[in-house]
PDB file of N, CA and C in Angstrom:
ATOM      1  N   MET A   1     101.956 126.452  92.570  1.00  0.00           N
ATOM      2  CA  MET A   1     100.765 127.118  91.855  1.00  0.00           C
ATOM      3  C   MET A   1     100.937 127.658  90.525  1.00  0.00           C
ATOM      4  N   ALA A   2     102.022 128.382  90.297  1.00  0.00           N
ATOM      5  CA  ALA A   2     102.411 128.570  88.697  1.00  0.00           C
ATOM      6  C   ALA A   2     102.778 127.230  88.135  1.00  0.00           C
ATOM      7  N   LYS A   3     103.411 126.647  88.340  1.00  0.00           N
ATOM      8  CA  LYS A   3     103.481 125.342  87.444  1.00  0.00           C
ATOM      9  C   LYS A   3     102.079 124.503  87.068  1.00  0.00           C
ATOM     10  N   PHE A   4     101.286 124.397  87.952  1.00  0.00           N
ATOM     11  CA  PHE A   4      99.917 124.223  87.999  1.00  0.00           C
ATOM     12  C   PHE A   4      99.324 124.915  86.866  1.00  0.00           C
ATOM     13  N   ASN A   5      99.167 126.094  86.781  1.00  0.00           N
ATOM     14  CA  ASN A   5      98.512 126.940  85.748  1.00  0.00           C
ATOM     15  C   ASN A   5      99.251 127.028  84.604  1.00  0.00           C
ATOM     16  N   GLU A   6     100.611 126.777  84.477  1.00  0.00           N
ATOM     17  CA  GLU A   6     101.228 126.870  83.665  1.00  0.00           C
ATOM     18  C   GLU A   6     101.048 125.518  82.629  1.00  0.00           C
ATOM     19  N   LEU A   7     100.806 124.586  83.382  1.00  0.00           N
ATOM     20  CA  LEU A   7     100.482 123.431  82.589  1.00  0.00           C
ATOM     21  C   LEU A   7      98.976 123.196  82.430  1.00  0.00           C
ATOM     22  N   LYS A   8      97.951 124.131  83.151  1.00  0.00           N
ATOM     23  CA  LYS A   8      96.612 124.231  82.871  1.00  0.00           C
ATOM     24  C   LYS A   8      95.894 122.745  83.524  1.00  0.00           C
ATOM     25  N   TYR A   9      96.712 122.450  84.708  1.00  0.00           N
ATOM     26  CA  TYR A   9      95.838 121.428  85.619  1.00  0.00           C
ATOM     27  C   TYR A   9      94.853 122.249  86.626  1.00  0.00           C
ATOM     28  N   GLU A  10      93.779 121.141  86.834  1.00  0.00           N
ATOM     29  CA  GLU A  10      92.732 121.406  87.493  1.00  0.00           C
ATOM     30  C   GLU A  10      92.812 121.034  88.775  1.00  0.00           C
ATOM     31  N   LEU A  11      92.934 121.755  89.949  1.00  0.00           N
ATOM     32  CA  LEU A  11      93.095 121.169  91.279  1.00  0.00           C
ATOM     33  C   LEU A  11      91.702 120.587  91.678  1.00  0.00           C
ATOM     34  N   LEU A  12      91.687 119.293  92.300  1.00  0.00           N
ATOM     35  CA  LEU A  12      90.776 118.783  92.471  1.00  0.00           C
ATOM     36  C   LEU A  12      90.695 118.726  94.048  1.00  0.00           C
ATOM     37  N   LYS A  13      89.196 118.869  94.563  1.00  0.00           N
ATOM     38  CA  LYS A  13      89.150 118.628  95.856  1.00  0.00           C
ATOM     39  C   LYS A  13      89.373 117.236  96.237  1.00  0.00           C
ATOM     40  N   HIS A  14      90.287 116.990  97.430  1.00  0.00           N
ATOM     41  CA  HIS A  14      90.522 115.672  97.776  1.00  0.00           C
ATOM     42  C   HIS A  14      90.683 115.834  99.114  1.00  0.00           C
ATOM     43  N   PRO A  15      90.020 115.229 100.127  1.00  0.00           N
ATOM     44  CA  PRO A  15      90.751 114.914 101.665  1.00  0.00           C
ATOM     45  C   PRO A  15      92.134 114.148 101.768  1.00  0.00           C
ATOM     46  N   ALA A  16      92.557 114.411 102.920  1.00  0.00           N
ATOM     47  CA  ALA A  16      94.158 113.864 102.961  1.00  0.00           C
ATOM     48  C   ALA A  16      93.939 112.341 103.060  1.00  0.00           C
ATOM     49  N   TYR A  17      92.946 111.620 103.662  1.00  0.00           N
ATOM     50  CA  TYR A  17      93.154 110.324 103.776  1.00  0.00           C
ATOM     51  C   TYR A  17      91.305 109.998 103.445  1.00  0.00           C
ATOM     52  N   SER A  18      91.247 109.070 102.882  1.00  0.00           N
ATOM     53  CA  SER A  18      89.685 108.406 102.530  1.00  0.00           C
ATOM     54  C   SER A  18      89.760 107.148 101.969  1.00  0.00           C
ATOM     55  N   PRO A  19      89.177 105.917 102.804  1.00  0.00           N
ATOM     56  CA  PRO A  19      89.205 104.862 102.087  1.00  0.00           C
ATOM     57  C   PRO A  19      88.448 104.738 100.952  1.00  0.00           C
ATOM     58  N   ASP A  20      87.674 105.460 100.972  1.00  0.00           N
ATOM     59  CA  ASP A  20      86.897 105.382  99.665  1.00  0.00           C
ATOM     60  C   ASP A  20      87.165 105.901  98.532  1.00  0.00           C
ATOM     61  N   LEU A  21      88.394 106.618  98.461  1.00  0.00           N
ATOM     62  CA  LEU A  21      89.312 106.845  97.432  1.00  0.00           C
ATOM     63  C   LEU A  21      90.558 106.029  97.102  1.00  0.00           C
ATOM     64  N   ALA A  22      90.824 105.297  98.308  1.00  0.00           N
ATOM     65  CA  ALA A  22      92.283 104.422  98.176  1.00  0.00           C
ATOM     66  C   ALA A  22      91.647 103.132  97.474  1.00  0.00           C
ATOM     67  N   PRO A  23      92.148 103.010  96.116  1.00  0.00           N
ATOM     68  CA  PRO A  23      91.688 101.770  95.311  1.00  0.00           C
ATOM     69  C   PRO A  23      92.225 100.601  96.097  1.00  0.00           C
ATOM     70  N   SER A  24      93.419 100.498  96.835  1.00  0.00           N
ATOM     71  CA  SER A  24      93.890  99.335  97.750  1.00  0.00           C
ATOM     72  C   SER A  24      92.889  99.289  98.822  1.00  0.00           C
ATOM     73  N   ASP A  25      91.870 100.217  99.458  1.00  0.00           N
ATOM     74  CA  ASP A  25      90.952  99.690 100.217  1.00  0.00           C
ATOM     75  C   ASP A  25      89.788  99.388  99.744  1.00  0.00           C
ATOM     76  N   TYR A  26      89.394  99.850  98.730  1.00  0.00           N
ATOM     77  CA  TYR A  26      87.817  99.668  98.147  1.00  0.00           C
ATOM     78  C   TYR A  26      87.956  98.872  97.376  1.00  0.00           C
ATOM     79  N   TYR A  27      89.166  98.155  96.608  1.00  0.00           N
ATOM     80  CA  TYR A  27      88.869  97.206  95.257  1.00  0.00           C
ATOM     81  C   TYR A  27      89.786  96.233  95.572  1.00  0.00           C
ATOM     82  N   LEU A  28      91.260  96.403  95.709  1.00  0.00           N
ATOM     83  CA  LEU A  28      92.110  95.328  95.695  1.00  0.00           C
ATOM     84  C   LEU A  28      92.416  94.479  96.831  1.00  0.00           C
ATOM     85  N   PHE A  29      92.157  95.421  98.095  1.00  0.00           N
ATOM     86  CA  PHE A  29      92.484  94.317  99.347  1.00  0.00           C
ATOM     87  C   PHE A  29      91.054  93.738  99.887  1.00  0.00           C
ATOM     88  N   SER A  30      89.848  94.685  99.481  1.00  0.00           N
ATOM     89  CA  SER A  30      88.623  93.816  99.824  1.00  0.00           C
ATOM     90  C   SER A  30      88.340  92.433  98.927  1.00  0.00           C
ATOM     91  N   ASN A  31      88.862  92.621  97.620  1.00  0.00           N
ATOM     92  CA  ASN A  31      88.958  91.256  96.666  1.00  0.00           C
ATOM     93  C   ASN A  31      89.733  90.253  97.137  1.00  0.00           C
ATOM     94  N   LEU A  32      90.866  90.657  97.875  1.00  0.00           N
ATOM     95  CA  LEU A  32      91.735  89.619  98.509  1.00  0.00           C
ATOM     96  C   LEU A  32      91.096  88.907  99.777  1.00  0.00           C
ATOM     97  N   ASN A  33      90.703  89.757 100.397  1.00  0.00           N
ATOM     98  CA  ASN A  33      90.021  89.448 101.536  1.00  0.00           C
ATOM     99  C   ASN A  33      88.937  88.431 101.355  1.00  0.00           C
ATOM    100  N   LYS A  34      88.118  88.685 100.452  1.00  0.00           N
ATOM    101  CA  LYS A  34      87.059  87.455  99.913  1.00  0.00           C
ATOM    102  C   LYS A  34      87.815  86.280  99.455  1.00  0.00           C
ATOM    103  N   PHE A  35      88.957  86.618  98.614  1.00  0.00           N
ATOM    104  CA  PHE A  35      89.783  85.333  98.138  1.00  0.00           C
ATOM    105  C   PHE A  35      90.373  84.466  99.374  1.00  0.00           C
ATOM    106  N   LEU A  36      90.855  85.024 100.406  1.00  0.00           N
ATOM    107  CA  LEU A  36      91.386  84.609 101.389  1.00  0.00           C
ATOM    108  C   LEU A  36      90.348  83.908 102.673  1.00  0.00           C
ATOM    109  N   ALA A  37      89.450  84.213 102.323  1.00  0.00           N
ATOM    110  CA  ALA A  37      88.227  84.017 103.381  1.00  0.00           C
ATOM    111  C   ALA A  37      88.117  82.326 103.665  1.00  0.00           C
ATOM    112  N   GLY A  38      88.132  82.021 105.063  1.00  0.00           N
ATOM    113  CA  GLY A  38      88.111  80.554 105.176  1.00  0.00           C
ATOM    114  C   GLY A  38      89.434  79.454 104.814  1.00  0.00           C
ATOM    115  N   LYS A  39      90.528  80.312 104.264  1.00  0.00           N
ATOM    116  CA  LYS A  39      91.574  79.685 103.870  1.00  0.00           C
ATOM    117  C   LYS A  39      92.575  79.581 105.290  1.00  0.00           C
ATOM    118  N   ARG A  40      93.487  78.500 105.578  1.00  0.00           N
ATOM    119  CA  ARG A  40      94.078  78.158 106.588  1.00  0.00           C
ATOM    120  C   ARG A  40      95.487  78.008 105.944  1.00  0.00           C
ATOM    121  N   PHE A  41      96.709  78.700 106.698  1.00  0.00           N
ATOM    122  CA  PHE A  41      98.066  78.317 105.916  1.00  0.00           C
ATOM    123  C   PHE A  41      98.987  77.751 107.090  1.00  0.00           C
ATOM    124  N   THR A  42      99.730  77.205 107.000  1.00  0.00           N
ATOM    125  CA  THR A  42     100.653  76.316 108.144  1.00  0.00           C
ATOM    126  C   THR A  42     101.831  77.066 108.024  1.00  0.00           C
ATOM    127  N   SER A  43     102.019  78.011 107.239  1.00  0.00           N
ATOM    128  CA  SER A  43     103.353  78.826 107.141  1.00  0.00           C
ATOM    129  C   SER A  43     103.310  80.233 106.546  1.00  0.00           C
ATOM    130  N   ASN A  44     104.121  81.259 106.987  1.00  0.00           N
ATOM    131  CA  ASN A  44     104.284  82.645 106.528  1.00  0.00           C
ATOM    132  C   ASN A  44     104.417  82.163 104.793  1.00  0.00           C
ATOM    133  N   ASP A  45     105.386  81.464 104.759  1.00  0.00           N
ATOM    134  CA  ASP A  45     105.924  81.249 103.187  1.00  0.00           C
ATOM    135  C   ASP A  45     104.617  80.745 102.570  1.00  0.00           C
ATOM    136  N   GLU A  46     103.897  80.009 103.079  1.00  0.00           N
ATOM    137  CA  GLU A  46     102.440  79.497 101.967  1.00  0.00           C
ATOM    138  C   GLU A  46     101.711  80.591 102.175  1.00  0.00           C
ATOM    139  N   THR A  47     101.563  81.452 102.962  1.00  0.00           N
ATOM    140  CA  THR A  47     100.560  82.535 102.834  1.00  0.00           C
ATOM    141  C   THR A  47     101.074  83.482 101.979  1.00  0.00           C
ATOM    142  N   VAL A  48     102.318  83.908 102.053  1.00  0.00           N
ATOM    143  CA  VAL A  48     103.078  84.876 100.973  1.00  0.00           C
ATOM    144  C   VAL A  48     102.957  84.181  99.687  1.00  0.00           C
ATOM    145  N   ALA A  49     103.137  83.018  99.398  1.00  0.00           N
ATOM    146  CA  ALA A  49     103.153  82.308  98.251  1.00  0.00           C
ATOM    147  C   ALA A  49     101.656  82.410  97.468  1.00  0.00           C
ATOM    148  N   THR A  50     100.606  82.236  98.409  1.00  0.00           N
ATOM    149  CA  THR A  50      99.217  82.320  97.841  1.00  0.00           C
ATOM    150  C   THR A  50      98.941  83.564  97.526  1.00  0.00           C
ATOM    151  N   VAL A  51      99.105  84.559  98.450  1.00  0.00           N
ATOM    152  CA  VAL A  51      98.824  86.189  97.772  1.00  0.00           C
ATOM    153  C   VAL A  51      99.730  86.481  96.624  1.00  0.00           C
ATOM    154  N   ASP A  52     100.885  86.208  96.423  1.00  0.00           N
ATOM    155  CA  ASP A  52     102.018  86.257  95.300  1.00  0.00           C
ATOM    156  C   ASP A  52     101.034  85.711  94.005  1.00  0.00           C
ATOM    157  N   ARG A  53     100.477  84.451  94.336  1.00  0.00           N
ATOM    158  CA  ARG A  53      99.981  83.857  92.955  1.00  0.00           C
ATOM    159  C   ARG A  53      98.597  84.491  92.841  1.00  0.00           C
ATOM    160  N   TYR A  54      97.774  85.024  93.692  1.00  0.00           N
ATOM    161  CA  TYR A  54      96.538  85.570  93.538  1.00  0.00           C
ATOM    162  C   TYR A  54      96.722  86.724  92.852  1.00  0.00           C
ATOM    163  N   PHE A  55      97.879  87.769  93.288  1.00  0.00           N
ATOM    164  CA  PHE A  55      97.779  88.919  92.237  1.00  0.00           C
ATOM    165  C   PHE A  55      98.568  88.399  91.029  1.00  0.00           C
ATOM    166  N   ALA A  56      99.311  87.463  90.720  1.00  0.00           N
ATOM    167  CA  ALA A  56      99.788  87.268  89.477  1.00  0.00           C
ATOM    168  C   ALA A  56      98.956  86.547  88.273  1.00  0.00           C
ATOM    169  N   ASP A  57      97.733  86.110  88.942  1.00  0.00           N
ATOM    170  CA  ASP A  57      96.846  85.492  88.448  1.00  0.00           C
ATOM    171  C   ASP A  57      95.702  86.293  87.703  1.00  0.00           C
ATOM    172  N   LEU A  58      95.565  87.527  88.344  1.00  0.00           N
ATOM    173  CA  LEU A  58      94.589  88.563  88.205  1.00  0.00           C
ATOM    174  C   LEU A  58      95.020  89.230  86.617  1.00  0.00           C
ATOM    175  N   PRO A  59      93.940  89.366  86.043  1.00  0.00           N
ATOM    176  CA  PRO A  59      94.179  89.764  84.528  1.00  0.00           C
ATOM    177  C   PRO A  59      94.664  91.548  84.701  1.00  0.00           C
ATOM    178  N   GLU A  60      95.382  92.117  83.753  1.00  0.00           N
ATOM    179  CA  GLU A  60      95.492  93.563  83.797  1.00  0.00           C
ATOM    180  C   GLU A  60      94.447  94.290  83.764  1.00  0.00           C
ATOM    181  N   SER A  61      92.995  93.686  83.341  1.00  0.00           N
ATOM    182  CA  SER A  61      91.620  94.467  83.199  1.00  0.00           C
ATOM    183  C   SER A  61      91.316  94.564  85.005  1.00  0.00           C
ATOM    184  N   HIS A  62      91.877  93.860  85.832  1.00  0.00           N
ATOM    185  CA  HIS A  62      91.158  93.779  87.111  1.00  0.00           C
ATOM    186  C   HIS A  62      91.881  94.949  87.706  1.00  0.00           C
ATOM    187  N   PHE A  63      92.955  95.386  87.564  1.00  0.00           N
ATOM    188  CA  PHE A  63      93.722  96.622  87.806  1.00  0.00           C
ATOM    189  C   PHE A  63      92.945  97.850  87.482  1.00  0.00           C
ATOM    190  N   ASN A  64      92.901  97.789  86.026  1.00  0.00           N
ATOM    191  CA  ASN A  64      92.431  98.971  85.375  1.00  0.00           C
ATOM    192  C   ASN A  64      90.813  99.419  85.947  1.00  0.00           C
ATOM    193  N   ASN A  65      90.166  98.251  86.133  1.00  0.00           N
ATOM    194  CA  ASN A  65      88.801  98.481  86.599  1.00  0.00           C
ATOM    195  C   ASN A  65      88.699  99.228  87.848  1.00  0.00           C
ATOM    196  N   GLY A  66      89.508  98.758  88.505  1.00  0.00           N
ATOM    197  CA  GLY A  66      89.960  99.195  89.826  1.00  0.00           C
ATOM    198  C   GLY A  66      90.086 100.833  89.815  1.00  0.00           C
ATOM    199  N   ILE A  67      91.032 101.435  88.976  1.00  0.00           N
ATOM    200  CA  ILE A  67      91.306 102.670  88.653  1.00  0.00           C
ATOM    201  C   ILE A  67      90.155 103.520  88.004  1.00  0.00           C
ATOM    202  N   GLU A  68      89.454 102.997  87.090  1.00  0.00           N
ATOM    203  CA  GLU A  68      88.375 103.391  86.446  1.00  0.00           C
ATOM    204  C   GLU A  68      87.261 103.733  87.603  1.00  0.00           C
ATOM    205  N   LEU A  69      87.239 102.984  88.364  1.00  0.00           N
ATOM    206  CA  LEU A  69      86.014 103.313  89.614  1.00  0.00           C
ATOM    207  C   LEU A  69      86.427 104.295  90.429  1.00  0.00           C
ATOM    208  N   LEU A  70      87.446 104.649  90.413  1.00  0.00           N
ATOM    209  CA  LEU A  70      88.214 105.835  91.175  1.00  0.00           C
ATOM    210  C   LEU A  70      87.583 107.123  90.650  1.00  0.00           C
ATOM    211  N   GLY A  71      87.290 107.379  89.566  1.00  0.00           N
ATOM    212  CA  GLY A  71      86.793 108.631  88.874  1.00  0.00           C
ATOM    213  C   GLY A  71      85.270 108.768  89.651  1.00  0.00           C
ATOM    214  N   LYS A  72      84.437 107.729  89.448  1.00  0.00           N
ATOM    215  CA  LYS A  72      82.982 107.755  90.116  1.00  0.00           C
ATOM    216  C   LYS A  72      83.174 107.949  91.497  1.00  0.00           C
ATOM    217  N   ARG A  73      84.036 107.389  92.104  1.00  0.00           N
ATOM    218  CA  ARG A  73      83.970 107.313  93.732  1.00  0.00           C
ATOM    219  C   ARG A  73      84.332 108.874  93.845  1.00  0.00           C
ATOM    220  N   TRP A  74      85.234 109.323  93.259  1.00  0.00           N
ATOM    221  CA  TRP A  74      85.895 110.655  93.791  1.00  0.00           C
ATOM    222  C   TRP A  74      84.799 111.575  93.641  1.00  0.00           C
ATOM    223  N   LYS A  75      83.807 111.412  92.465  1.00  0.00           N
ATOM    224  CA  LYS A  75      82.734 112.699  92.200  1.00  0.00           C
ATOM    225  C   LYS A  75      81.642 112.619  93.254  1.00  0.00           C
ATOM    226  N   LYS A  76      81.374 111.291  93.654  1.00  0.00           N
ATOM    227  CA  LYS A  76      80.196 110.963  94.457  1.00  0.00           C
ATOM    228  C   LYS A  76      80.567 111.472  95.865  1.00  0.00           C
ATOM    229  N   PHE A  77      81.851 110.981  96.138  1.00  0.00           N
ATOM    230  CA  PHE A  77      82.563 111.541  97.602  1.00  0.00           C
ATOM    231  C   PHE A  77      82.411 113.182  97.679  1.00  0.00           C
ATOM    232  N   ILE A  78      82.908 114.032  96.301  1.00  0.00           N
ATOM    233  CA  ILE A  78      82.805 115.211  96.420  1.00  0.00           C
ATOM    234  C   ILE A  78      81.470 115.813  96.762  1.00  0.00           C
ATOM    235  N   GLU A  79      80.620 115.102  95.839  1.00  0.00           N
ATOM    236  CA  GLU A  79      79.216 115.582  95.606  1.00  0.00           C
ATOM    237  C   GLU A  79      78.414 115.758  97.241  1.00  0.00           C
ATOM    238  N   VAL A  80      79.111 114.794  97.893  1.00  0.00           N
ATOM    239  CA  VAL A  80      78.347 114.605  99.380  1.00  0.00           C
ATOM    240  C   VAL A  80      79.250 115.163 100.417  1.00  0.00           C
ATOM    241  N   SER A  81      80.350 115.685 100.351  1.00  0.00           N
ATOM    242  CA  SER A  81      80.984 116.307 101.069  1.00  0.00           C
ATOM    243  C   SER A  81      82.030 115.318 102.046  1.00  0.00           C
ATOM    244  N   GLY A  82      81.923 113.903 101.327  1.00  0.00           N
ATOM    245  CA  GLY A  82      82.936 113.207 102.293  1.00  0.00           C
ATOM    246  C   GLY A  82      81.994 112.541 103.419  1.00  0.00           C
ATOM    247  N   ASN A  83      80.743 112.692 103.096  1.00  0.00           N
ATOM    248  CA  ASN A  83      79.799 112.018 104.313  1.00  0.00           C
ATOM    249  C   ASN A  83      79.161 110.696 103.909  1.00  0.00           C
ATOM    250  N   TYR A  84      80.110 109.929 103.415  1.00  0.00           N
ATOM    251  CA  TYR A  84      79.455 108.732 103.188  1.00  0.00           C
ATOM    252  C   TYR A  84      80.915 107.514 103.350  1.00  0.00           C
ATOM    253  N   ILE A  85      80.540 106.169 103.649  1.00  0.00           N
ATOM    254  CA  ILE A  85      81.290 105.307 103.303  1.00  0.00           C
ATOM    255  C   ILE A  85      80.703 104.284 102.515  1.00  0.00           C
ATOM    256  N   GLU A  86      81.175 104.051 101.654  1.00  0.00           N
ATOM    257  CA  GLU A  86      80.557 103.037 100.823  1.00  0.00           C
ATOM    258  C   GLU A  86      80.816 101.396 101.305  1.00  0.00           C
ATOM    259  N   LYS A  87      80.052 100.690 101.476  1.00  0.00           N
ATOM    260  CA  LYS A  87      80.513  99.286 101.830  1.00  0.00           C
ATOM    261  C   LYS A  87      80.239  98.295 101.085  1.00  0.00           C
TER     262      LYS A  87
END
């Protein structure tokens, strides 16, 4: 706590785990699931190559947008005391 105070960091309320606040859950993998919907693969290698290509083709802004959404989601989550899951 002394180091937090020294650095003038503000401790924010945050649950131990919430899918609403994990960018991989609410943004990254939900979009990947949509991309993969209906696709069939003949091998594990083909699946891995497709997923690798998907991520490689995403613009940097895609990842930045996911992180920017985190602030809004965190605020909403705290305002409702964690009593929601956005779908």
